[in-house]
C-alpha atoms as a PDB file:
ATOM      1  CA  MET A   1      19.319 148.685 255.655  1.00  0.00           C
ATOM      2  CA  ILE A   2      17.302 147.149 252.840  1.00  0.00           C
ATOM      3  CA  GLU A   3      19.332 146.334 249.730  1.00  0.00           C
ATOM      4  CA  PRO A   4      17.982 148.280 246.731  1.00  0.00           C
ATOM      5  CA  PHE A   5      15.626 146.124 244.709  1.00  0.00           C
ATOM      6  CA  THR A   6      13.763 146.284 241.414  1.00  0.00           C
ATOM      7  CA  ASP A   7      10.021 145.905 241.029  1.00  0.00           C
ATOM      8  CA  ILE A   8      10.533 142.774 238.953  1.00  0.00           C
ATOM      9  CA  ALA A   9      13.195 140.225 239.863  1.00  0.00           C
ATOM     10  CA  PRO A  10      15.296 138.697 237.063  1.00  0.00           C
ATOM     11  CA  SER A  11      13.590 135.898 235.185  1.00  0.00           C
ATOM     12  CA  GLY A  12      16.214 134.447 232.863  1.00  0.00           C
ATOM     13  CA  GLN A  13      18.033 131.165 233.224  1.00  0.00           C
ATOM     14  CA  GLU A  14      21.358 132.762 234.144  1.00  0.00           C
ATOM     15  CA  LEU A  15      22.447 133.797 237.599  1.00  0.00           C
ATOM     16  CA  THR A  16      22.751 137.579 237.737  1.00  0.00           C
ATOM     17  CA  ASP A  17      24.628 140.029 239.928  1.00  0.00           C
ATOM     18  CA  TYR A  18      21.192 141.025 241.230  1.00  0.00           C
ATOM     19  CA  ASP A  19      20.552 137.429 242.323  1.00  0.00           C
ATOM     20  CA  LYS A  20      23.895 137.261 244.102  1.00  0.00           C
ATOM     21  CA  ALA A  21      23.188 140.534 245.906  1.00  0.00           C
ATOM     22  CA  HIS A  22      19.741 139.351 247.011  1.00  0.00           C
ATOM     23  CA  VAL A  23      20.363 135.773 248.147  1.00  0.00           C
ATOM     24  CA  LYS A  24      19.463 136.667 251.747  1.00  0.00           C
ATOM     25  CA  LEU A  25      16.244 138.300 250.613  1.00  0.00           C
ATOM     26  CA  TYR A  26      15.348 135.229 248.557  1.00  0.00           C
ATOM     27  CA  MET A  27      15.972 132.942 251.533  1.00  0.00           C
ATOM     28  CA  ARG A  28      13.886 135.128 253.814  1.00  0.00           C
ATOM     29  CA  LEU A  29      11.035 135.095 251.280  1.00  0.00           C
ATOM     30  CA  LEU A  30      11.201 131.304 251.093  1.00  0.00           C
ATOM     31  CA  ASP A  31      11.157 131.077 254.889  1.00  0.00           C
ATOM     32  CA  ALA A  32       8.158 133.402 255.086  1.00  0.00           C
ATOM     33  CA  ALA A  33       6.283 131.367 252.467  1.00  0.00           C
ATOM     34  CA  ALA A  34       7.132 128.096 254.230  1.00  0.00           C
ATOM     35  CA  ASP A  35       5.869 129.558 257.511  1.00  0.00           C
ATOM     36  CA  GLY A  36       2.603 130.572 255.856  1.00  0.00           C
ATOM     37  CA  ALA A  37       3.220 134.299 256.294  1.00  0.00           C
ATOM     38  CA  ASP A  38       0.814 136.595 254.501  1.00  0.00           C
ATOM     39  CA  TRP A  39       2.406 138.187 251.430  1.00  0.00           C
ATOM     40  CA  GLN A  40       1.460 141.645 252.710  1.00  0.00           C
ATOM     41  CA  GLU A  41       3.340 141.116 255.962  1.00  0.00           C
ATOM     42  CA  ALA A  42       6.335 139.719 254.069  1.00  0.00           C
ATOM     43  CA  VAL A  43       6.498 142.719 251.728  1.00  0.00           C
ATOM     44  CA  GLN A  44       6.295 145.123 254.661  1.00  0.00           C
ATOM     45  CA  VAL A  45       9.057 143.413 256.623  1.00  0.00           C
ATOM     46  CA  LEU A  46      11.387 142.388 253.794  1.00  0.00           C
ATOM     47  CA  PHE A  47      10.966 145.258 251.341  1.00  0.00           C
ATOM     48  CA  GLY A  48       9.880 148.055 253.669  1.00  0.00           C
ATOM     49  CA  LEU A  49       6.804 148.772 251.560  1.00  0.00           C
ATOM     50  CA  ASP A  50       3.185 149.474 252.463  1.00  0.00           C
ATOM     51  CA  PRO A  51       0.847 147.170 250.535  1.00  0.00           C
ATOM     52  CA  ALA A  52      -2.165 149.253 251.619  1.00  0.00           C
ATOM     53  CA  ARG A  53      -0.751 152.221 249.660  1.00  0.00           C
ATOM     54  CA  GLU A  54       0.492 150.309 246.594  1.00  0.00           C
ATOM     55  CA  PRO A  55      -1.197 146.899 246.568  1.00  0.00           C
ATOM     56  CA  GLU A  56      -0.562 146.019 242.903  1.00  0.00           C
ATOM     57  CA  ARG A  57       3.089 147.073 242.947  1.00  0.00           C
ATOM     58  CA  CYS A  58       3.733 145.319 246.245  1.00  0.00           C
ATOM     59  CA  ARG A  59       2.117 142.106 245.032  1.00  0.00           C
ATOM     60  CA  ARG A  60       4.164 142.214 241.819  1.00  0.00           C
ATOM     61  CA  ILE A  61       7.396 142.786 243.768  1.00  0.00           C
ATOM     62  CA  HIS A  62       6.626 139.997 246.214  1.00  0.00           C
ATOM     63  CA  ASP A  63       5.528 137.462 243.619  1.00  0.00           C
ATOM     64  CA  SER A  64       8.385 138.057 241.183  1.00  0.00           C
ATOM     65  CA  HIS A  65      11.010 137.836 243.924  1.00  0.00           C
ATOM     66  CA  LEU A  66       9.434 134.736 245.451  1.00  0.00           C
ATOM     67  CA  SER A  67       9.346 133.139 242.019  1.00  0.00           C
ATOM     68  CA  ARG A  68      13.034 133.943 241.552  1.00  0.00           C
ATOM     69  CA  ALA A  69      13.818 132.594 245.014  1.00  0.00           C
ATOM     70  CA  ARG A  70      12.160 129.318 244.059  1.00  0.00           C
ATOM     71  CA  TRP A  71      14.149 129.233 240.813  1.00  0.00           C
ATOM     72  CA  MET A  72      17.314 129.693 242.870  1.00  0.00           C
ATOM     73  CA  THR A  73      16.493 126.635 244.979  1.00  0.00           C
ATOM     74  CA  HIS A  74      15.842 124.462 241.937  1.00  0.00           C
ATOM     75  CA  THR A  75      18.331 125.747 239.373  1.00  0.00           C
ATOM     76  CA  GLY A  76      20.196 128.881 240.328  1.00  0.00           C
ATOM     77  CA  TYR A  77      22.154 127.333 243.172  1.00  0.00           C
ATOM     78  CA  ARG A  78      24.021 125.207 240.613  1.00  0.00           C
ATOM     79  CA  HIS A  79      25.437 128.388 239.116  1.00  0.00           C
ATOM     80  CA  LEU A  80      26.651 129.443 242.550  1.00  0.00           C
ATOM     81  CA  LEU A  81      28.296 126.082 243.111  1.00  0.00           C
ATOM     82  CA  ARG A  82      30.053 126.182 239.752  1.00  0.00           C
ATOM     83  CA  GLN A  83      31.384 129.652 240.475  1.00  0.00           C
ATOM     84  CA  ALA A  84      32.605 128.563 243.897  1.00  0.00           C
ATOM     85  CA  HIS A  85      34.641 125.768 242.294  1.00  0.00           C
ATOM     86  CA  SER A  86      36.123 127.988 239.594  1.00  0.00           C
END
């Protein structure tokens, strides 16, 4: 089952409950991008959406979540580490 998601991923500098709930999704998006997967294929597989029906929405969902996934690898993971040591 696909975890419920928003059209726009969080964008602040704080780790959110949404981020914690979607870590697997973020990692899968990063893997897809690293493998050179087409964004349309990634959105179909990972979000269960049809980019042919809603191309703008699907692109927005994909891009905002991929951006957040990249933030997690550069900054957000530090928040997770701090929480693990608390």
